[in-house]
Structures are given as C-alpha cells and as structure tokens.
Protein backbone atom coordinates (compact mmCIF):
# COMPACT_ATOMS: atom_id res chain seq x y z
CA MET A 1 100.36 80.56 71.67
CA ALA A 2 103.21 80.50 74.14
CA THR A 3 103.45 82.59 77.30
CA THR A 4 107.09 83.65 77.28
CA ALA A 5 108.85 85.87 79.79
CA SER A 6 112.09 87.61 78.85
CA ILE A 7 114.48 89.82 80.85
CA THR A 8 117.66 91.65 80.10
CA LEU A 9 119.76 93.18 82.89
CA ALA A 10 122.69 95.47 82.16
CA SER A 11 124.85 97.42 84.68
CA ASP A 12 127.96 99.56 84.52
CA LEU A 13 128.35 99.68 88.31
CA LEU A 14 131.41 97.49 88.18
CA THR A 15 134.68 98.19 86.36
CA ASP A 16 133.65 95.53 83.86
CA ALA A 17 130.14 95.98 82.48
CA ILE A 18 127.72 93.13 83.10
CA SER A 19 124.87 92.04 80.83
CA VAL A 20 122.56 89.08 81.34
CA SER A 21 119.68 88.14 79.14
CA ASP A 22 117.27 85.16 79.40
CA SER A 23 113.81 84.04 78.52
CA THR A 24 111.61 81.07 79.39
CA THR A 25 108.23 79.77 78.39
CA CYS A 26 105.86 79.55 81.37
CA MET A 27 104.64 75.98 81.61
CA LYS A 28 101.66 74.38 83.29
CA ALA A 29 102.41 72.43 86.49
CA GLY A 30 103.97 69.05 85.81
CA SER A 31 104.32 69.64 82.05
CA ALA A 32 107.23 70.19 79.76
CA SER A 33 105.11 70.76 76.72
CA ASP A 34 101.90 72.70 77.76
CA ASP A 35 102.40 76.37 78.31
CA LEU A 36 100.14 78.62 80.40
CA ASP A 37 97.16 79.51 78.34
CA GLN A 38 95.05 82.01 80.34
CA MET A 39 95.60 85.39 81.93
CA GLU A 40 93.73 88.10 83.84
CA LEU A 41 94.94 91.66 83.88
CA GLY A 42 94.01 94.96 85.35
CA CYS A 43 95.00 98.44 86.36
CA VAL A 44 94.22 100.07 89.72
CA GLU A 45 94.97 103.28 91.54
CA ILE A 46 95.84 102.87 95.17
CA ALA A 47 95.85 105.91 97.49
CA THR A 48 98.34 106.46 100.35
CA GLY A 49 97.57 104.19 103.32
CA THR A 50 95.27 101.94 101.39
CA ASN A 51 95.89 98.16 101.72
CA PHE A 52 94.45 96.25 98.77
CA ASP A 53 94.19 92.55 97.78
CA LEU A 54 95.62 92.58 94.28
CA LEU A 55 95.00 88.88 93.87
CA ASN A 56 92.90 86.86 96.25
CA ALA A 57 94.25 83.31 96.85
CA ASP A 58 90.83 82.19 98.13
CA ASN A 59 89.36 82.93 94.68
CA ALA A 60 92.29 81.81 92.68
CA LEU A 61 90.93 78.28 92.07
CA ASN A 62 94.44 77.43 90.92
CA LYS A 63 95.90 75.85 94.04
CA ASP A 64 98.67 73.42 93.25
CA LYS A 65 98.92 74.76 89.65
CA ALA A 66 101.33 77.07 87.84
CA ASN A 67 100.68 80.79 88.51
CA LYS A 68 102.89 83.69 87.42
CA VAL A 69 102.28 87.28 88.40
CA TYR A 70 103.54 90.52 86.87
CA VAL A 71 103.17 93.83 88.80
CA CYS A 72 104.23 97.27 87.68
CA ASN A 73 104.17 100.61 89.47
CA ASP A 74 103.26 102.89 86.60
CA SER A 75 103.46 106.07 88.82
CA THR A 76 105.79 108.77 87.48
CA ASP A 77 106.70 110.54 90.82
CA GLU A 78 109.90 108.86 91.98
CA THR A 79 108.98 109.18 95.62
CA TYR A 80 105.77 107.09 95.24
CA TYR A 81 106.03 103.44 96.21
CA VAL A 82 103.97 100.42 97.20
CA VAL A 83 104.84 97.50 99.51
CA ILE A 84 104.00 93.98 98.20
CA THR A 85 103.18 91.22 100.75
CA ILE A 86 102.12 87.62 100.57
CA ASP A 87 100.67 85.97 103.67
CA ALA A 88 101.88 88.96 105.78
CA ILE A 89 105.50 88.49 104.54
CA VAL A 90 106.90 91.59 102.87
CA LEU A 91 108.38 90.81 99.42
CA GLY A 92 109.62 94.34 98.95
CA ARG A 93 108.85 97.82 97.58
CA LEU A 94 108.02 98.86 94.04
CA TYR A 95 108.95 102.45 93.42
CA ALA A 96 107.62 104.41 90.38
CA GLY A 97 108.70 102.51 87.26
CA ASP A 98 109.64 99.37 89.18
CA TRP A 99 108.16 95.98 88.36
CA MET A 100 108.29 92.31 89.40
CA PHE A 101 107.52 88.92 87.85
CA ILE A 102 107.17 86.06 90.34
CA PRO A 103 105.74 82.59 90.70
CA TRP A 104 102.68 82.51 92.98
CA GLY A 105 101.70 79.54 95.09
CA ALA A 106 98.16 80.57 96.02
CA GLU A 107 98.21 77.54 98.33
CA ASP A 108 95.65 78.69 100.81
CA ALA A 109 93.31 81.54 101.65
CA THR A 110 96.04 83.54 103.42
CA ALA A 111 98.35 83.62 100.38
CA ASP A 112 96.75 86.78 98.93
CA ILE A 113 99.04 89.16 97.09
CA GLU A 114 98.51 92.39 98.95
CA ILE A 115 99.71 95.84 98.01
CA GLN A 116 99.84 98.93 100.24
CA ALA A 117 100.54 102.46 98.90
CA TYR A 118 102.83 104.94 100.52
CA THR A 119 103.29 108.59 99.45
CA GLY A 120 100.54 109.43 96.93
CA THR A 121 98.19 107.65 94.64
CA ASN A 122 100.06 104.81 92.86
CA LYS A 123 99.00 103.52 89.46
CA ILE A 124 99.46 99.74 89.45
CA SER A 125 99.09 97.43 86.44
CA TYR A 126 99.21 93.66 86.83
CA ALA A 127 98.75 90.43 84.99
CA TRP A 128 98.13 86.92 86.34
CA PHE A 129 99.16 84.12 84.01
CA HIS A 130 97.64 80.78 84.93
CA GLU A 131 96.42 77.36 83.85
CA GLY A 132 92.79 78.29 83.89
CA LYS A 133 89.81 78.17 86.07
CA THR A 134 87.37 75.37 86.28
CA LEU A 135 83.95 77.01 86.03
CA ILE A 136 81.28 75.68 88.30
CA SER A 137 77.81 75.37 86.94
CA ALA A 138 75.08 77.53 88.44
C-alpha cells in the first residue's frame, strides 16, 4: 500500500488562469522503493489561548527518518485560526478550512509541532505518516 500525496492548485487571479497538479509517493529515508507504511491520526479541539503540542518530537522515535505531517483546521467560522510553530519558529496560520502538508525533521526534543488557537475553539484534524516505531520491550 503506497502513501501518496496529491495536490491541485488553480487560480484565476492572473489574466491567464494557472493550474498546477502533482502527486508523489512518500518514501522512507534513503529509499527509492520503500514507501511510508505507518500513520497516526487524531482530531482535537483547541480553545482560544491554548498552546498544545500536536506532535511531540521527544516521543517521535523517528529521528533521522522520513516523517510527513498533515494538519487541517476543520473550523467553519472564517475568523478562527491557529498558529503552527516548530522549535519556536512560526510556520504560519491556518484559518478555518486551511490545511498544510509538510516534512517534519523531529531531530531533537525541541522540534515539537505546536499549535495555538486564536479566536474561538478550533477543530483540528491531523495525520502523521512515518516509517514506524521500534517498540521497546517492557
């Protein structure tokens, strides 16, 4: 089973319409033939002013491996938004209906993907596609 990401962008902001479409299979680190085979997903509600670790790099167990993250703000009020940061660096805002798909380094304990809500309770869904965790025996 392949993990494939596809995107289509279209705009009529220019005098000539622009349309771009592409897809890729998400591969394991250092491999051209092994695609990512594990994922974790969730849905959370984040109230105004709340700062939340969406994905904790310290627990990722996937340092130096391929990690891809999808985050969507499922809120319906167009004034609601969240700010996404990694290691205290702001990546940007996701307003109601916005989404992002990014590679994630998870290189050290400070590389958490954090999310903070502004204006209202935001409904956030996310998926983390990765190479897999090595389970440690008890």
